[in-house]
N, C-alpha and C. Protein backbone atom coordinates (compact mmCIF):
# COMPACT_ATOMS: atom_id res chain seq x y z
N MET A 1 21.69 18.50 27.39
CA MET A 1 20.87 19.03 26.31
C MET A 1 21.68 19.02 25.01
N VAL A 2 21.11 18.55 23.94
CA VAL A 2 21.77 18.48 22.65
C VAL A 2 21.67 19.83 21.95
N SER A 3 22.83 20.31 21.47
CA SER A 3 22.83 21.60 20.82
C SER A 3 22.13 21.55 19.48
N ARG A 4 21.66 22.68 19.02
CA ARG A 4 20.96 22.77 17.75
C ARG A 4 21.91 22.45 16.60
N SER A 5 23.19 22.89 16.66
CA SER A 5 24.13 22.59 15.58
C SER A 5 24.46 21.10 15.53
N TRP A 6 24.57 20.45 16.68
CA TRP A 6 24.82 19.00 16.71
C TRP A 6 23.62 18.26 16.06
N THR A 7 22.42 18.66 16.41
CA THR A 7 21.23 18.03 15.82
C THR A 7 21.18 18.23 14.30
N ALA A 8 21.52 19.44 13.86
CA ALA A 8 21.56 19.72 12.41
C ALA A 8 22.61 18.88 11.73
N ALA A 9 23.77 18.74 12.33
CA ALA A 9 24.85 17.93 11.76
C ALA A 9 24.41 16.48 11.63
N VAL A 10 23.81 15.93 12.67
CA VAL A 10 23.33 14.54 12.62
C VAL A 10 22.28 14.38 11.53
N ALA A 11 21.38 15.32 11.43
CA ALA A 11 20.32 15.22 10.39
C ALA A 11 20.96 15.27 9.00
N ALA A 12 21.94 16.13 8.79
CA ALA A 12 22.60 16.24 7.46
C ALA A 12 23.32 14.91 7.13
N ILE A 13 23.97 14.34 8.16
CA ILE A 13 24.70 13.09 7.92
C ILE A 13 23.72 11.96 7.59
N ALA A 14 22.64 11.89 8.35
CA ALA A 14 21.62 10.85 8.12
C ALA A 14 21.04 10.97 6.70
N LEU A 15 20.77 12.21 6.26
CA LEU A 15 20.25 12.42 4.93
C LEU A 15 21.27 11.99 3.88
N ALA A 16 22.52 12.33 4.10
CA ALA A 16 23.55 11.94 3.15
C ALA A 16 23.68 10.42 3.07
N LEU A 17 23.64 9.71 4.19
CA LEU A 17 23.72 8.25 4.18
C LEU A 17 22.54 7.65 3.48
N ALA A 18 21.37 8.22 3.67
CA ALA A 18 20.15 7.68 3.06
C ALA A 18 20.17 7.83 1.54
N THR A 19 20.86 8.83 1.03
CA THR A 19 20.87 9.08 -0.41
C THR A 19 22.06 8.45 -1.13
N LEU A 20 22.95 7.78 -0.40
CA LEU A 20 24.13 7.21 -1.04
C LEU A 20 23.84 6.07 -1.96
N GLY A 21 22.92 5.21 -1.61
CA GLY A 21 22.55 4.09 -2.51
C GLY A 21 23.71 3.12 -2.70
N THR A 22 23.72 2.47 -3.83
CA THR A 22 24.74 1.45 -4.09
C THR A 22 25.86 2.06 -4.90
N THR A 23 26.98 1.39 -4.97
CA THR A 23 28.12 1.90 -5.67
C THR A 23 28.02 1.65 -7.17
N ALA A 24 28.66 2.54 -7.90
CA ALA A 24 28.93 2.24 -9.30
C ALA A 24 30.28 1.53 -9.32
N PRO A 25 30.68 0.89 -10.42
CA PRO A 25 31.97 0.24 -10.44
C PRO A 25 33.08 1.26 -10.10
N VAL A 26 34.03 0.80 -9.28
CA VAL A 26 35.12 1.67 -8.85
C VAL A 26 36.38 1.21 -9.55
N LEU A 27 37.14 2.12 -10.11
CA LEU A 27 38.34 1.78 -10.82
C LEU A 27 39.38 1.20 -9.88
N ALA A 28 40.27 0.31 -10.39
CA ALA A 28 41.33 -0.27 -9.61
C ALA A 28 42.17 0.84 -9.01
N GLY A 29 42.57 0.69 -7.74
CA GLY A 29 43.36 1.69 -7.06
C GLY A 29 42.54 2.72 -6.36
N ASP A 30 41.26 2.88 -6.69
CA ASP A 30 40.41 3.82 -6.03
C ASP A 30 39.72 3.10 -4.88
N ALA A 31 39.58 3.82 -3.75
CA ALA A 31 38.90 3.23 -2.59
C ALA A 31 37.37 3.37 -2.72
N GLY A 32 36.92 4.45 -3.31
CA GLY A 32 35.49 4.65 -3.40
C GLY A 32 35.16 5.90 -4.20
N MET A 33 33.90 6.34 -4.06
CA MET A 33 33.40 7.50 -4.82
C MET A 33 32.55 8.40 -3.93
N ILE A 34 32.69 9.69 -4.18
CA ILE A 34 31.84 10.69 -3.51
C ILE A 34 30.47 10.63 -4.13
N LYS A 35 29.47 10.36 -3.27
CA LYS A 35 28.08 10.31 -3.72
C LYS A 35 27.29 11.54 -3.34
N VAL A 36 27.73 12.25 -2.28
CA VAL A 36 27.05 13.46 -1.81
C VAL A 36 28.15 14.47 -1.43
N ALA A 37 28.03 15.69 -1.90
CA ALA A 37 28.93 16.77 -1.52
C ALA A 37 28.15 18.04 -1.48
N THR A 38 28.09 18.69 -0.32
CA THR A 38 27.36 19.92 -0.18
C THR A 38 28.22 20.95 0.54
N GLY A 39 28.00 22.22 0.26
CA GLY A 39 28.73 23.29 0.94
C GLY A 39 30.22 23.20 0.65
N GLU A 40 31.00 23.67 1.62
CA GLU A 40 32.47 23.65 1.49
C GLU A 40 32.98 22.25 1.75
N ALA A 41 33.56 21.64 0.72
CA ALA A 41 34.09 20.29 0.87
C ALA A 41 35.28 20.09 -0.06
N TRP A 42 36.34 19.45 0.47
CA TRP A 42 37.60 19.30 -0.27
C TRP A 42 38.18 17.92 -0.14
N ILE A 43 38.95 17.56 -1.15
CA ILE A 43 39.83 16.40 -1.11
C ILE A 43 41.23 16.95 -1.09
N VAL A 44 42.01 16.57 -0.07
CA VAL A 44 43.44 16.94 -0.05
C VAL A 44 44.21 15.71 -0.50
N ARG A 45 44.88 15.85 -1.68
CA ARG A 45 45.59 14.74 -2.27
C ARG A 45 46.99 15.21 -2.69
N ALA A 46 47.98 14.55 -2.15
CA ALA A 46 49.38 14.88 -2.49
C ALA A 46 49.66 16.35 -2.30
N GLY A 47 49.13 16.95 -1.25
CA GLY A 47 49.36 18.36 -0.93
C GLY A 47 48.46 19.35 -1.65
N ALA A 48 47.68 18.88 -2.63
CA ALA A 48 46.77 19.79 -3.36
C ALA A 48 45.39 19.73 -2.76
N ARG A 49 44.73 20.87 -2.64
CA ARG A 49 43.34 20.93 -2.09
C ARG A 49 42.41 21.11 -3.29
N LEU A 50 41.60 20.07 -3.53
CA LEU A 50 40.69 20.01 -4.67
C LEU A 50 39.24 20.07 -4.18
N PRO A 51 38.36 20.72 -4.90
CA PRO A 51 36.96 20.70 -4.49
C PRO A 51 36.40 19.29 -4.60
N ALA A 52 35.67 18.87 -3.56
CA ALA A 52 35.02 17.54 -3.58
C ALA A 52 33.71 17.67 -4.33
N ARG A 53 33.57 16.84 -5.37
CA ARG A 53 32.35 16.86 -6.20
C ARG A 53 31.77 15.47 -6.29
N VAL A 54 30.47 15.40 -6.47
CA VAL A 54 29.82 14.10 -6.68
C VAL A 54 30.44 13.44 -7.89
N GLY A 55 30.80 12.14 -7.73
CA GLY A 55 31.41 11.39 -8.81
C GLY A 55 32.92 11.32 -8.70
N ASP A 56 33.54 12.16 -7.86
CA ASP A 56 34.98 12.12 -7.70
C ASP A 56 35.38 10.83 -6.98
N LYS A 57 36.48 10.24 -7.44
CA LYS A 57 37.05 9.04 -6.80
C LYS A 57 37.88 9.49 -5.57
N VAL A 58 37.87 8.64 -4.54
CA VAL A 58 38.75 8.87 -3.40
C VAL A 58 39.73 7.70 -3.35
N GLN A 59 40.93 7.99 -2.81
CA GLN A 59 41.99 7.03 -2.79
C GLN A 59 42.61 6.94 -1.40
N THR A 60 43.34 5.86 -1.17
CA THR A 60 44.12 5.74 0.04
C THR A 60 45.04 6.93 0.12
N SER A 61 45.17 7.51 1.27
CA SER A 61 45.99 8.70 1.61
C SER A 61 45.29 10.02 1.32
N ASP A 62 44.10 9.98 0.76
CA ASP A 62 43.31 11.21 0.62
C ASP A 62 42.82 11.68 1.98
N VAL A 63 42.66 12.97 2.14
CA VAL A 63 42.03 13.56 3.35
C VAL A 63 40.81 14.32 2.84
N ILE A 64 39.67 14.03 3.43
CA ILE A 64 38.43 14.71 3.06
C ILE A 64 38.09 15.72 4.17
N ALA A 65 37.83 16.95 3.79
CA ALA A 65 37.60 18.00 4.79
C ALA A 65 36.35 18.79 4.37
N THR A 66 35.66 19.28 5.40
CA THR A 66 34.47 20.10 5.18
C THR A 66 34.54 21.42 5.95
N GLY A 67 33.87 22.42 5.47
CA GLY A 67 33.78 23.69 6.15
C GLY A 67 32.55 23.72 7.05
N ALA A 68 32.20 24.91 7.51
CA ALA A 68 31.12 25.09 8.48
C ALA A 68 29.77 24.59 7.98
N LYS A 69 29.52 24.62 6.68
CA LYS A 69 28.25 24.21 6.13
C LYS A 69 28.41 23.07 5.15
N GLY A 70 29.50 22.32 5.29
CA GLY A 70 29.80 21.24 4.32
C GLY A 70 29.42 19.86 4.86
N ALA A 71 29.30 18.95 3.92
CA ALA A 71 29.04 17.51 4.23
C ALA A 71 29.47 16.71 3.00
N VAL A 72 30.03 15.52 3.26
CA VAL A 72 30.45 14.64 2.17
C VAL A 72 30.01 13.21 2.52
N GLY A 73 29.48 12.51 1.52
CA GLY A 73 29.12 11.09 1.66
C GLY A 73 29.91 10.30 0.66
N ILE A 74 30.56 9.24 1.14
CA ILE A 74 31.39 8.40 0.28
C ILE A 74 30.89 6.96 0.33
N THR A 75 30.78 6.33 -0.81
CA THR A 75 30.54 4.91 -0.90
C THR A 75 31.82 4.23 -1.34
N PHE A 76 32.29 3.29 -0.53
CA PHE A 76 33.52 2.56 -0.80
C PHE A 76 33.26 1.33 -1.66
N ALA A 77 34.33 0.76 -2.20
CA ALA A 77 34.23 -0.38 -3.10
C ALA A 77 33.54 -1.59 -2.48
N ASP A 78 33.53 -1.71 -1.16
CA ASP A 78 32.84 -2.83 -0.50
C ASP A 78 31.41 -2.50 -0.09
N ASP A 79 30.91 -1.37 -0.56
CA ASP A 79 29.61 -0.85 -0.26
C ASP A 79 29.45 -0.27 1.13
N SER A 80 30.53 -0.07 1.85
CA SER A 80 30.47 0.65 3.09
C SER A 80 30.26 2.12 2.78
N ARG A 81 29.57 2.83 3.67
CA ARG A 81 29.26 4.26 3.43
C ARG A 81 29.71 5.06 4.64
N LEU A 82 30.46 6.08 4.36
CA LEU A 82 30.91 7.03 5.38
C LEU A 82 30.43 8.41 4.98
N SER A 83 29.98 9.15 5.97
CA SER A 83 29.48 10.50 5.74
C SER A 83 30.03 11.40 6.83
N ILE A 84 30.67 12.51 6.44
CA ILE A 84 31.19 13.44 7.42
C ILE A 84 30.36 14.73 7.36
N GLY A 85 30.19 15.32 8.53
CA GLY A 85 29.39 16.52 8.66
C GLY A 85 30.24 17.78 8.61
N PRO A 86 29.68 18.90 9.04
CA PRO A 86 30.36 20.17 9.01
C PRO A 86 31.64 20.19 9.86
N ASN A 87 32.62 20.97 9.42
CA ASN A 87 33.90 21.14 10.16
C ASN A 87 34.53 19.81 10.52
N SER A 88 34.63 18.96 9.55
CA SER A 88 35.17 17.61 9.78
C SER A 88 36.40 17.37 8.91
N VAL A 89 37.30 16.50 9.41
CA VAL A 89 38.47 16.07 8.65
C VAL A 89 38.59 14.56 8.81
N LEU A 90 38.56 13.84 7.67
CA LEU A 90 38.65 12.38 7.66
C LEU A 90 39.77 11.97 6.72
N ALA A 91 40.72 11.18 7.23
CA ALA A 91 41.81 10.68 6.40
C ALA A 91 41.53 9.20 6.05
N ILE A 92 41.73 8.88 4.81
CA ILE A 92 41.63 7.47 4.36
C ILE A 92 43.05 6.92 4.46
N ASP A 93 43.31 6.24 5.53
CA ASP A 93 44.67 5.75 5.78
C ASP A 93 45.01 4.49 4.98
N ARG A 94 44.05 3.60 4.82
CA ARG A 94 44.26 2.35 4.13
C ARG A 94 42.94 1.80 3.64
N PHE A 95 42.91 1.32 2.42
CA PHE A 95 41.71 0.63 1.90
C PHE A 95 42.19 -0.40 0.91
N VAL A 96 41.94 -1.69 1.25
CA VAL A 96 42.26 -2.80 0.37
C VAL A 96 41.02 -3.69 0.40
N PHE A 97 40.53 -4.06 -0.81
CA PHE A 97 39.35 -4.88 -0.84
C PHE A 97 39.38 -5.81 -2.06
N ASP A 98 39.21 -7.11 -1.82
CA ASP A 98 39.12 -8.11 -2.89
C ASP A 98 37.64 -8.36 -3.15
N SER A 99 37.12 -7.95 -4.28
CA SER A 99 35.73 -8.05 -4.59
C SER A 99 35.26 -9.49 -4.75
N THR A 100 36.16 -10.43 -4.92
CA THR A 100 35.79 -11.83 -5.05
C THR A 100 35.64 -12.48 -3.70
N THR A 101 36.61 -12.28 -2.82
CA THR A 101 36.59 -12.93 -1.49
C THR A 101 36.05 -12.04 -0.36
N HIS A 102 35.97 -10.75 -0.64
CA HIS A 102 35.53 -9.74 0.31
C HIS A 102 36.51 -9.56 1.44
N ALA A 103 37.75 -10.02 1.23
CA ALA A 103 38.81 -9.84 2.21
C ALA A 103 39.47 -8.50 2.02
N GLY A 104 40.11 -7.97 3.05
CA GLY A 104 40.84 -6.72 2.94
C GLY A 104 40.90 -5.98 4.25
N ALA A 105 41.08 -4.68 4.18
CA ALA A 105 41.17 -3.86 5.35
C ALA A 105 40.75 -2.42 4.99
N SER A 106 40.14 -1.78 5.97
CA SER A 106 39.76 -0.38 5.83
C SER A 106 40.15 0.35 7.12
N GLU A 107 40.99 1.37 6.99
CA GLU A 107 41.42 2.17 8.12
C GLU A 107 41.27 3.64 7.77
N THR A 108 40.50 4.33 8.61
CA THR A 108 40.29 5.75 8.43
C THR A 108 40.57 6.46 9.76
N SER A 109 40.85 7.73 9.69
CA SER A 109 41.10 8.55 10.93
C SER A 109 40.19 9.79 10.87
N LEU A 110 39.30 9.86 11.84
CA LEU A 110 38.50 11.08 12.02
C LEU A 110 39.27 12.01 12.91
N ARG A 111 39.88 13.01 12.30
CA ARG A 111 40.74 13.95 13.05
C ARG A 111 39.92 14.94 13.84
N LYS A 112 38.77 15.32 13.29
CA LYS A 112 37.82 16.21 14.01
C LYS A 112 36.49 16.15 13.29
N GLY A 113 35.45 16.52 14.02
CA GLY A 113 34.13 16.60 13.44
C GLY A 113 33.24 15.39 13.71
N THR A 114 32.36 15.09 12.75
CA THR A 114 31.35 14.05 12.90
C THR A 114 31.48 13.07 11.74
N LEU A 115 31.21 11.82 12.06
CA LEU A 115 31.27 10.75 11.07
C LEU A 115 30.12 9.79 11.35
N ALA A 116 29.33 9.50 10.31
CA ALA A 116 28.32 8.43 10.38
C ALA A 116 28.77 7.36 9.41
N ALA A 117 28.59 6.09 9.79
CA ALA A 117 29.06 5.00 8.96
C ALA A 117 28.09 3.85 8.93
N VAL A 118 28.06 3.19 7.81
CA VAL A 118 27.35 1.91 7.64
C VAL A 118 28.41 0.99 7.03
N SER A 119 28.72 -0.11 7.74
CA SER A 119 29.77 -0.99 7.26
C SER A 119 29.25 -1.78 6.03
N GLY A 120 30.20 -2.23 5.25
CA GLY A 120 29.91 -2.97 4.03
C GLY A 120 30.33 -4.42 4.10
N ARG A 121 30.61 -4.99 2.94
CA ARG A 121 30.96 -6.40 2.82
C ARG A 121 32.21 -6.74 3.56
N LEU A 122 33.18 -5.85 3.58
CA LEU A 122 34.47 -6.08 4.25
C LEU A 122 34.28 -6.42 5.71
N ALA A 123 33.51 -5.59 6.44
CA ALA A 123 33.31 -5.81 7.89
C ALA A 123 32.46 -7.05 8.14
N ARG A 124 31.54 -7.35 7.22
CA ARG A 124 30.72 -8.54 7.40
C ARG A 124 31.53 -9.81 7.16
N GLN A 125 32.45 -9.78 6.21
CA GLN A 125 33.27 -10.95 5.91
C GLN A 125 34.37 -11.14 6.97
N SER A 126 34.98 -10.06 7.39
CA SER A 126 36.11 -10.11 8.35
C SER A 126 35.88 -9.13 9.46
N PRO A 127 35.14 -9.53 10.48
CA PRO A 127 34.86 -8.57 11.58
C PRO A 127 36.17 -8.03 12.15
N GLY A 128 36.20 -6.73 12.32
CA GLY A 128 37.40 -6.07 12.81
C GLY A 128 38.30 -5.57 11.70
N ALA A 129 38.01 -5.88 10.42
CA ALA A 129 38.84 -5.43 9.32
C ALA A 129 38.63 -3.94 9.00
N MET A 130 37.53 -3.38 9.52
CA MET A 130 37.24 -1.95 9.34
C MET A 130 37.57 -1.27 10.68
N LYS A 131 38.44 -0.26 10.62
CA LYS A 131 38.83 0.49 11.81
C LYS A 131 38.72 1.96 11.61
N VAL A 132 38.26 2.68 12.62
CA VAL A 132 38.20 4.12 12.60
C VAL A 132 38.97 4.64 13.80
N LYS A 133 39.96 5.46 13.54
CA LYS A 133 40.73 6.07 14.60
C LYS A 133 40.22 7.47 14.87
N THR A 134 40.23 7.86 16.13
CA THR A 134 39.94 9.23 16.56
C THR A 134 41.09 9.68 17.38
N PRO A 135 41.15 10.98 17.76
CA PRO A 135 42.24 11.40 18.64
C PRO A 135 42.24 10.66 20.00
N ALA A 136 41.11 10.11 20.40
CA ALA A 136 41.01 9.46 21.70
C ALA A 136 40.96 7.93 21.67
N ALA A 137 40.57 7.32 20.55
CA ALA A 137 40.37 5.88 20.53
C ALA A 137 40.44 5.33 19.12
N THR A 138 40.60 4.00 19.02
CA THR A 138 40.46 3.29 17.74
C THR A 138 39.29 2.32 17.87
N LEU A 139 38.35 2.38 16.92
CA LEU A 139 37.18 1.53 16.94
C LEU A 139 37.35 0.42 15.90
N GLY A 140 37.17 -0.81 16.33
CA GLY A 140 37.10 -1.92 15.43
C GLY A 140 35.66 -2.20 15.09
N VAL A 141 35.31 -2.13 13.79
CA VAL A 141 33.90 -2.24 13.40
C VAL A 141 33.60 -3.69 13.04
N ARG A 142 32.49 -4.19 13.55
CA ARG A 142 32.11 -5.57 13.32
C ARG A 142 30.72 -5.67 12.68
N GLY A 143 30.50 -4.89 11.64
CA GLY A 143 29.27 -4.97 10.89
C GLY A 143 28.12 -4.23 11.54
N THR A 144 28.12 -2.94 11.48
CA THR A 144 27.10 -2.16 12.17
C THR A 144 26.98 -0.78 11.56
N GLU A 145 26.15 0.04 12.19
CA GLU A 145 26.02 1.46 11.86
C GLU A 145 26.44 2.21 13.12
N PHE A 146 27.13 3.35 12.94
CA PHE A 146 27.54 4.13 14.09
C PHE A 146 27.76 5.57 13.73
N LEU A 147 27.79 6.40 14.76
CA LEU A 147 28.02 7.84 14.65
C LEU A 147 29.10 8.22 15.63
N ILE A 148 30.07 9.00 15.19
CA ILE A 148 31.19 9.45 16.03
C ILE A 148 31.29 10.98 15.98
N ARG A 149 31.56 11.59 17.09
CA ARG A 149 31.80 13.03 17.14
C ARG A 149 33.07 13.24 17.96
N THR A 150 34.01 14.03 17.42
CA THR A 150 35.27 14.24 18.12
C THR A 150 35.74 15.68 17.91
N GLY A 151 36.55 16.17 18.83
CA GLY A 151 37.20 17.49 18.67
C GLY A 151 38.52 17.28 17.98
N GLU A 152 39.29 18.37 17.83
CA GLU A 152 40.58 18.30 17.22
C GLU A 152 41.56 17.58 18.11
N ALA A 153 42.56 16.95 17.49
CA ALA A 153 43.67 16.31 18.24
C ALA A 153 44.52 17.41 18.86
N ASP A 154 45.05 17.10 20.06
CA ASP A 154 45.91 18.04 20.72
C ASP A 154 47.30 18.04 20.10
């Protein structure tokens, strides 16, 4: 039986993904932009915990975290979309994208919580170039939509 909180988290993530739309131009060095931020949501950058707000840029090595009623939707430079639900922690380990050739790599780590994703141009151009790590597995994305739920790492 699916719990009510899990169903609510999936619904919030689906809503966030649906409202992300297309990207605005992303500055060089930035991986993407926050398009949706609700409830308790933070960017941890260089040891500082900053509130996550719509329009904020995200960068490689940022960690995005949410509280019990938080959610964040990010659109990356390749038009991939990641959305994390309540009580989630997502690290952007690596993001490199050439907007001309669509070559590059995307590596994120879902440390805990829920993640919904829609791959972008990077995964379509180079299947396997988008990877998501969890405490239990590493997923190679080959141009698809998916949802992941994981507990904390031991």
